[in-house]
């Protein structure tokens, strides 16, 4: 069984007909093609707008903070790292206390 190839115009015509009729399976039988193929064509036809859009319109510009914003973000990052370090130290101290109070407690709490 040899694979059939369909032109773009034929695909567009069949997809348009399926949209108008509202029953893709019936249109597929009428044109002697597999309904799954027609459903794939319909799915692809819905995404052609993105393919036809200019690449410059698809480009997303990166946000670059000003030097003042960058310094503020660095300061906030440093402050958060210090808080995290304090919390880690507090957890380590509490685990050590727990082990001293209950020597049979040997499970790892990481």
Protein backbone atom coordinates (compact mmCIF):
# COMPACT_ATOMS: atom_id res chain seq x y z
CA UNK A 1 0.00 0.00 0.00
CA UNK A 2 1.54 3.24 -1.12
CA UNK A 3 1.24 6.43 0.86
CA UNK A 4 -0.89 9.11 -0.75
CA UNK A 5 0.14 12.74 -0.84
CA UNK A 6 -2.38 15.57 -0.88
CA UNK A 7 -1.86 19.10 -2.07
CA UNK A 8 -2.17 22.01 0.30
CA UNK A 9 -5.17 23.31 -1.63
CA UNK A 10 -6.97 19.98 -1.27
CA UNK A 11 -6.26 19.90 2.45
CA UNK A 12 -7.56 23.44 2.91
CA UNK A 13 -10.68 22.65 0.88
CA UNK A 14 -11.45 19.52 2.92
CA UNK A 15 -10.82 21.29 6.23
CA UNK A 16 -13.09 24.14 5.18
CA UNK A 17 -15.78 21.66 4.14
CA UNK A 18 -15.48 19.83 7.48
CA UNK A 19 -15.91 23.11 9.35
CA UNK A 20 -18.97 24.02 7.30
CA UNK A 21 -20.62 20.60 7.60
CA UNK A 22 -19.66 20.14 11.25
CA UNK A 23 -19.03 16.41 10.82
CA UNK A 24 -15.40 15.61 10.00
CA UNK A 25 -15.94 11.85 9.82
CA UNK A 26 -18.62 12.22 7.15
CA UNK A 27 -16.41 14.53 5.08
CA UNK A 28 -13.47 12.12 5.45
CA UNK A 29 -15.59 9.21 4.16
CA UNK A 30 -16.81 11.32 1.24
CA UNK A 31 -13.21 12.07 0.19
CA UNK A 32 -11.97 8.55 0.99
CA UNK A 33 -9.43 9.60 3.62
CA UNK A 34 -8.87 8.46 7.20
CA UNK A 35 -10.81 10.58 9.74
CA UNK A 36 -7.71 10.79 11.96
CA UNK A 37 -5.83 12.39 9.09
CA UNK A 38 -8.59 14.95 8.65
CA UNK A 39 -8.63 15.72 12.38
CA UNK A 40 -4.86 16.28 12.23
CA UNK A 41 -5.30 18.64 9.27
CA UNK A 42 -7.97 20.57 11.18
CA UNK A 43 -5.66 20.84 14.19
CA UNK A 44 -2.81 22.08 12.00
CA UNK A 45 -5.10 24.55 10.24
CA UNK A 46 -5.98 26.15 13.57
CA UNK A 47 -2.31 26.89 14.24
CA UNK A 48 -1.40 28.37 10.86
CA UNK A 49 -1.85 31.93 12.15
CA UNK A 50 1.21 31.51 14.38
CA UNK A 51 3.23 30.11 11.47
CA UNK A 52 2.28 33.00 9.21
CA UNK A 53 3.09 35.67 11.81
CA UNK A 54 6.30 37.61 11.20
CA UNK A 55 9.26 36.47 13.31
CA UNK A 56 9.80 40.03 14.56
CA UNK A 57 6.29 40.02 16.03
CA UNK A 58 6.98 36.74 17.84
CA UNK A 59 10.18 38.00 19.48
CA UNK A 60 9.94 38.59 23.21
CA UNK A 61 12.09 41.36 24.56
CA UNK A 62 14.06 40.64 27.71
CA UNK A 63 13.62 42.91 30.70
CA UNK A 64 16.88 44.59 31.72
CA UNK A 65 16.71 46.33 35.10
CA UNK A 66 18.27 49.74 35.59
CA UNK A 67 21.45 49.95 37.71
CA UNK A 68 19.42 51.17 40.71
CA UNK A 69 16.96 48.31 40.40
CA UNK A 70 19.83 45.87 39.98
CA UNK A 71 21.50 47.09 43.20
CA UNK A 72 18.18 46.86 45.04
CA UNK A 73 17.70 43.28 43.80
CA UNK A 74 21.24 42.37 44.84
CA UNK A 75 20.59 43.80 48.32
CA UNK A 76 17.34 41.86 48.63
CA UNK A 77 19.07 38.69 47.43
CA UNK A 78 21.84 39.14 50.06
CA UNK A 79 19.26 39.71 52.80
CA UNK A 80 17.31 36.58 51.80
CA UNK A 81 20.49 34.49 51.78
CA UNK A 82 21.30 35.68 55.31
CA UNK A 83 17.82 34.77 56.50
CA UNK A 84 18.12 31.35 54.89
CA UNK A 85 21.49 30.80 56.56
CA UNK A 86 20.02 31.74 59.96
CA UNK A 87 17.12 29.31 59.46
CA UNK A 88 19.51 26.50 58.48
CA UNK A 89 21.61 27.18 61.60
CA UNK A 90 18.48 27.22 63.77
CA UNK A 91 17.35 23.87 62.33
CA UNK A 92 20.80 22.36 62.94
CA UNK A 93 20.76 23.55 66.58
CA UNK A 94 17.27 22.18 67.16
CA UNK A 95 18.23 18.80 65.68
CA UNK A 96 21.30 18.68 67.90
CA UNK A 97 19.16 19.46 70.97
CA UNK A 98 16.70 16.77 69.99
CA UNK A 99 19.48 14.21 69.70
CA UNK A 100 20.86 15.18 73.12
CA UNK A 101 17.44 14.91 74.78
CA UNK A 102 16.58 11.62 73.11
CA UNK A 103 19.72 9.59 72.17
CA UNK A 104 17.58 6.80 70.69
CA UNK A 105 16.35 9.26 68.05
CA UNK A 106 18.55 8.42 65.06
CA UNK A 107 16.41 9.16 62.02
CA UNK A 108 17.68 11.60 59.44
CA UNK A 109 15.58 14.73 59.09
CA UNK A 110 16.95 16.19 55.89
